[in-house]
Amino acid sequence: MKGGIFEFHMCRLVTLILWLCIIARRETGVLVVRADCVPVTGCNALAYYSVKTGDTIVALTSRFQINEKSLQAYNKNVTNVNVILAGTNLYLPFQCTCLNGQLVHLFTYVIGSTDTLGSIANQTYQKLTTVADIKSASNLDNANIITTGNTLSIPVKCFCGDPKVSRSYGLFTTYVVQATDQLAGVATNFSVDATDLSKLNSDVTSLTPDSIIFIPTRDANGAFAPFNEYVSASVRCSI
């Protein structure tokens, strides 16, 4: 009996914590929409990346710390890993985890001789992160002073879904809004409902270039994975 009461109160406590975690906020240069820890255990996630001239699969798998098999699982258009054309859009899988109260993944990157934090954030990672975020995650004193050969932490924010909006979606792509993007067009391009897309991104109706939105995405089997409400190894609650 006592065990049941304890679990009940633990569930109530976890529920309260999760409710407090879904407050949207803005950070300099990037719109961050509902990217807090719901669920606290994190989830699988994807980053949207457009191949540029000079990119290779070897370089991309190293940059995003994934293997070729995982990349091909989410990118059926890549039939030959030795041939990848500039302009090809890729979904790059990663683990979305709760860090300091926010859902994020930390990639690692070794500084090259011509790199700046600006070039790393804006070109190498295509604005999936910011100079300020890299500086903070890497504990740098000065964003203008970096040393070739040192390793940086590259934070990319992610999202696991919102059961109050829809339990049908549990896999999301972190997407950087382009200059010509409109909400309806993005929804059409990614085959999702525009109303759902808006609600899942703090009811956004107008997209701002270079801001980040989270787009429901089909998994490697071609189906929308449902929201995973698993809370912890010992306590499971329906919220």
Protein backbone atom coordinates (compact mmCIF):
# COMPACT_ATOMS: atom_id res chain seq x y z
CA MET A 1 0.00 0.00 0.00
CA LYS A 2 2.77 2.41 0.96
CA GLY A 3 4.59 1.58 -2.26
CA GLY A 4 1.47 2.50 -4.28
CA ILE A 5 1.09 5.82 -2.45
CA PHE A 6 4.77 6.63 -2.98
CA GLU A 7 4.54 5.90 -6.72
CA PHE A 8 1.37 8.00 -6.98
CA HIS A 9 3.07 11.00 -5.39
CA MET A 10 6.18 10.49 -7.53
CA CYS A 11 4.02 10.55 -10.65
CA ARG A 12 2.36 13.76 -9.46
CA LEU A 13 5.79 15.32 -8.83
CA VAL A 14 7.12 14.30 -12.26
CA THR A 15 3.95 15.66 -13.89
CA LEU A 16 4.45 19.02 -12.16
CA ILE A 17 8.08 19.18 -13.28
CA LEU A 18 7.15 18.42 -16.88
CA TRP A 19 4.46 21.11 -16.89
CA LEU A 20 7.02 23.63 -15.69
CA CYS A 21 9.40 22.59 -18.46
CA ILE A 22 7.20 23.49 -21.44
CA ILE A 23 7.58 27.27 -21.31
CA ALA A 24 8.80 28.56 -24.66
CA ARG A 25 11.64 31.06 -24.74
CA ARG A 26 13.86 32.97 -27.14
CA GLU A 27 17.63 33.05 -27.24
CA THR A 28 19.76 35.49 -29.21
CA GLY A 29 19.68 34.71 -32.91
CA VAL A 30 17.59 31.55 -32.70
CA LEU A 31 13.92 31.00 -32.00
CA VAL A 32 13.70 28.14 -29.51
CA VAL A 33 10.24 26.63 -29.36
CA ARG A 34 9.24 24.22 -26.61
CA ALA A 35 12.62 22.55 -26.56
CA ASP A 36 12.56 21.73 -22.84
CA CYS A 37 12.76 18.25 -21.36
CA VAL A 38 9.51 16.57 -22.30
CA PRO A 39 9.97 13.69 -21.73
CA VAL A 40 12.85 13.87 -19.28
CA THR A 41 14.38 10.74 -20.79
CA GLY A 42 14.85 12.38 -24.20
CA CYS A 43 14.30 10.66 -27.55
CA ASN A 44 15.69 9.99 -31.00
CA ALA A 45 15.87 13.06 -33.23
CA LEU A 46 17.07 14.25 -36.64
CA ALA A 47 18.91 17.26 -38.03
CA TYR A 48 18.15 18.60 -41.51
CA TYR A 49 21.26 19.25 -43.57
CA SER A 50 21.70 20.29 -47.20
CA VAL A 51 24.82 18.84 -48.84
CA LYS A 52 27.19 21.50 -50.14
CA THR A 53 30.02 21.32 -52.64
CA GLY A 54 32.98 19.51 -51.11
CA ASP A 55 30.93 17.46 -48.64
CA THR A 56 31.51 13.72 -48.51
CA ILE A 57 29.71 11.01 -46.58
CA VAL A 58 32.91 10.30 -44.68
CA ALA A 59 33.18 13.93 -43.62
CA LEU A 60 29.50 14.18 -42.65
CA THR A 61 29.44 10.96 -40.65
CA SER A 62 32.48 12.23 -38.75
CA ARG A 63 31.03 15.71 -38.21
CA PHE A 64 27.72 14.39 -36.91
CA GLN A 65 29.14 11.25 -35.24
CA ILE A 66 26.93 8.77 -37.08
CA ASN A 67 27.66 5.69 -39.17
CA GLU A 68 26.81 5.14 -42.82
CA LYS A 69 24.15 2.55 -42.00
CA SER A 70 22.22 4.98 -39.79
CA LEU A 71 22.51 7.71 -42.40
CA GLN A 72 21.18 5.48 -45.16
CA ALA A 73 18.31 4.25 -42.96
CA TYR A 74 16.82 7.76 -42.90
CA ASN A 75 17.91 8.74 -46.40
CA LYS A 76 16.65 6.23 -48.95
CA ASN A 77 17.75 8.66 -51.68
CA VAL A 78 21.38 7.89 -50.83
CA THR A 79 21.97 4.67 -52.71
CA ASN A 80 25.71 5.05 -53.11
CA VAL A 81 27.66 6.48 -50.18
CA ASN A 82 30.54 7.27 -52.52
CA VAL A 83 28.41 9.60 -54.62
CA ILE A 84 26.48 12.42 -53.00
CA LEU A 85 25.44 15.51 -54.91
CA ALA A 86 25.46 19.10 -53.68
CA GLY A 87 21.91 20.15 -52.84
CA THR A 88 20.88 16.72 -51.55
CA ASN A 89 18.86 17.12 -48.35
CA LEU A 90 19.73 14.72 -45.55
CA TYR A 91 18.15 13.67 -42.27
CA LEU A 92 20.96 13.07 -39.78
CA PRO A 93 19.95 10.98 -36.73
CA PHE A 94 21.16 11.74 -33.22
CA GLN A 95 20.16 11.19 -29.60
CA CYS A 96 18.22 14.04 -28.02
CA THR A 97 19.00 14.19 -24.30
CA CYS A 98 18.11 16.39 -21.34
CA LEU A 99 21.00 18.65 -20.39
CA ASN A 100 20.59 21.43 -17.83
CA GLY A 101 16.82 21.35 -18.28
CA GLN A 102 16.88 21.53 -22.06
CA LEU A 103 16.68 18.93 -24.81
CA VAL A 104 19.91 19.09 -26.79
CA HIS A 105 22.67 17.03 -28.34
CA LEU A 106 26.36 17.90 -28.06
CA PHE A 107 28.36 17.05 -31.15
CA THR A 108 32.14 17.35 -31.00
CA TYR A 109 34.22 19.21 -33.56
CA VAL A 110 37.98 19.57 -33.95
CA ILE A 111 38.96 23.12 -34.90
CA GLY A 112 40.62 23.50 -38.31
CA SER A 113 43.25 26.07 -39.23
CA THR A 114 40.84 28.38 -41.07
CA ASP A 115 37.86 27.96 -38.71
CA THR A 116 36.12 30.66 -36.73
CA LEU A 117 33.15 30.12 -34.44
CA GLY A 118 31.09 31.98 -37.00
CA SER A 119 32.12 29.69 -39.86
CA ILE A 120 31.58 26.60 -37.73
CA ALA A 121 28.10 27.64 -36.64
CA ASN A 122 26.93 29.15 -39.93
CA GLN A 123 28.65 27.07 -42.61
CA THR A 124 29.88 23.82 -41.10
CA TYR A 125 26.68 23.21 -39.10
CA GLN A 126 24.40 25.37 -41.30
CA LYS A 127 22.98 27.44 -38.40
CA LEU A 128 21.76 24.40 -36.49
CA THR A 129 23.67 26.06 -33.64
CA THR A 130 24.92 29.56 -32.81
CA VAL A 131 28.23 31.17 -31.91
CA ALA A 132 26.85 31.99 -28.46
CA ASP A 133 25.74 28.41 -27.86
CA ILE A 134 29.09 26.95 -28.94
CA LYS A 135 30.95 29.44 -26.74
CA SER A 136 28.83 28.50 -23.73
CA ALA A 137 28.90 24.73 -24.29
CA SER A 138 32.66 24.76 -24.89
CA ASN A 139 33.40 27.02 -21.90
CA LEU A 140 35.27 29.54 -24.03
CA ASP A 141 36.28 32.86 -22.54
CA ASN A 142 36.43 34.65 -25.88
CA ALA A 143 34.50 33.64 -28.99
CA ASN A 144 37.13 35.27 -31.16
CA ILE A 145 40.01 33.19 -29.79
CA ILE A 146 40.08 29.50 -30.69
CA THR A 147 43.01 27.16 -31.17
CA THR A 148 43.54 24.81 -34.10
CA GLY A 149 43.31 21.20 -32.99
CA ASN A 150 41.20 21.88 -29.91
CA THR A 151 37.80 20.20 -29.60
CA LEU A 152 34.55 22.14 -29.34
CA SER A 153 31.14 21.07 -28.10
CA ILE A 154 28.47 21.85 -30.69
CA PRO A 155 24.99 22.02 -29.15
CA VAL A 156 22.00 21.35 -31.40
CA LYS A 157 18.58 21.77 -29.85
CA CYS A 158 15.91 19.14 -30.39
CA PHE A 159 12.31 18.24 -29.56
CA CYS A 160 10.51 15.03 -28.60
CA GLY A 161 6.89 16.09 -29.00
CA ASP A 162 4.03 17.50 -26.96
CA PRO A 163 1.32 15.07 -25.82
CA LYS A 164 -1.07 17.99 -25.20
CA VAL A 165 -0.96 18.78 -28.91
CA SER A 166 -0.71 15.29 -30.39
CA ARG A 167 0.49 11.87 -29.28
CA SER A 168 0.88 10.85 -32.92
CA TYR A 169 4.30 12.45 -33.29
CA GLY A 170 7.44 11.39 -31.42
CA LEU A 171 10.26 11.90 -33.93
CA PHE A 172 11.19 15.44 -34.97
CA THR A 173 13.67 17.09 -37.29
CA THR A 174 15.53 20.20 -36.16
CA TYR A 175 15.09 22.49 -39.16
CA VAL A 176 16.59 25.92 -39.86
CA VAL A 177 14.05 28.20 -41.56
CA GLN A 178 15.16 29.43 -44.96
CA ALA A 179 14.56 32.94 -46.36
CA THR A 180 11.69 31.91 -48.65
CA ASP A 181 9.96 29.49 -46.26
CA GLN A 182 6.30 29.86 -45.36
CA LEU A 183 4.54 27.68 -42.79
CA ALA A 184 2.13 26.14 -45.29
CA GLY A 185 4.92 25.39 -47.75
CA VAL A 186 7.12 23.75 -45.12
CA ALA A 187 4.17 21.64 -43.98
CA THR A 188 3.54 20.53 -47.57
CA ASN A 189 7.20 19.78 -48.24
CA PHE A 190 7.43 17.60 -45.15
CA SER A 191 3.96 16.03 -45.57
CA VAL A 192 2.61 17.17 -42.23
CA ASP A 193 -0.52 19.08 -41.27
CA ALA A 194 0.12 22.83 -41.12
CA THR A 195 -2.07 23.26 -38.04
CA ASP A 196 -0.20 20.52 -36.19
CA LEU A 197 3.12 22.03 -37.24
CA SER A 198 2.08 25.41 -35.89
CA LYS A 199 0.80 24.05 -32.57
CA LEU A 200 3.91 21.94 -32.06
CA ASN A 201 6.00 25.08 -32.47
CA SER A 202 4.31 27.35 -29.93
CA ASP A 203 1.51 28.28 -32.36
CA VAL A 204 3.92 29.98 -34.74
CA THR A 205 2.23 31.39 -37.84
CA SER A 206 5.01 33.46 -39.41
CA LEU A 207 8.45 31.94 -39.91
CA THR A 208 11.62 33.95 -39.35
CA PRO A 209 14.69 33.13 -41.48
CA ASP A 210 17.43 31.34 -39.51
CA SER A 211 15.07 30.49 -36.67
CA ILE A 212 14.66 26.85 -35.68
CA ILE A 213 11.45 24.85 -35.86
CA PHE A 214 10.82 21.20 -35.11
CA ILE A 215 9.08 19.16 -37.80
CA PRO A 216 7.32 15.81 -37.25
CA THR A 217 9.18 13.25 -39.35
CA ARG A 218 8.64 9.65 -40.42
CA ASP A 219 11.03 7.10 -38.98
CA ALA A 220 13.29 4.71 -40.89
CA ASN A 221 10.29 2.44 -41.51
CA GLY A 222 8.31 5.24 -43.13
CA ALA A 223 5.82 5.74 -40.29
CA PHE A 224 5.26 8.53 -37.77
CA ALA A 225 6.55 7.25 -34.42
CA PRO A 226 4.17 8.15 -31.55
CA PHE A 227 5.13 10.33 -28.62
CA ASN A 228 7.02 8.30 -26.01
CA GLU A 229 5.66 9.14 -22.57
CA TYR A 230 8.15 6.93 -20.72
CA VAL A 231 9.39 8.88 -17.71
CA SER A 232 11.95 6.74 -15.89
CA ALA A 233 13.02 3.17 -15.28
CA SER A 234 10.98 2.91 -12.07
CA VAL A 235 8.05 5.32 -12.42
CA ARG A 236 5.68 5.48 -15.41
CA CYS A 237 2.80 7.96 -15.45
CA SER A 238 0.09 8.96 -17.88
CA ILE A 239 0.01 12.74 -18.08
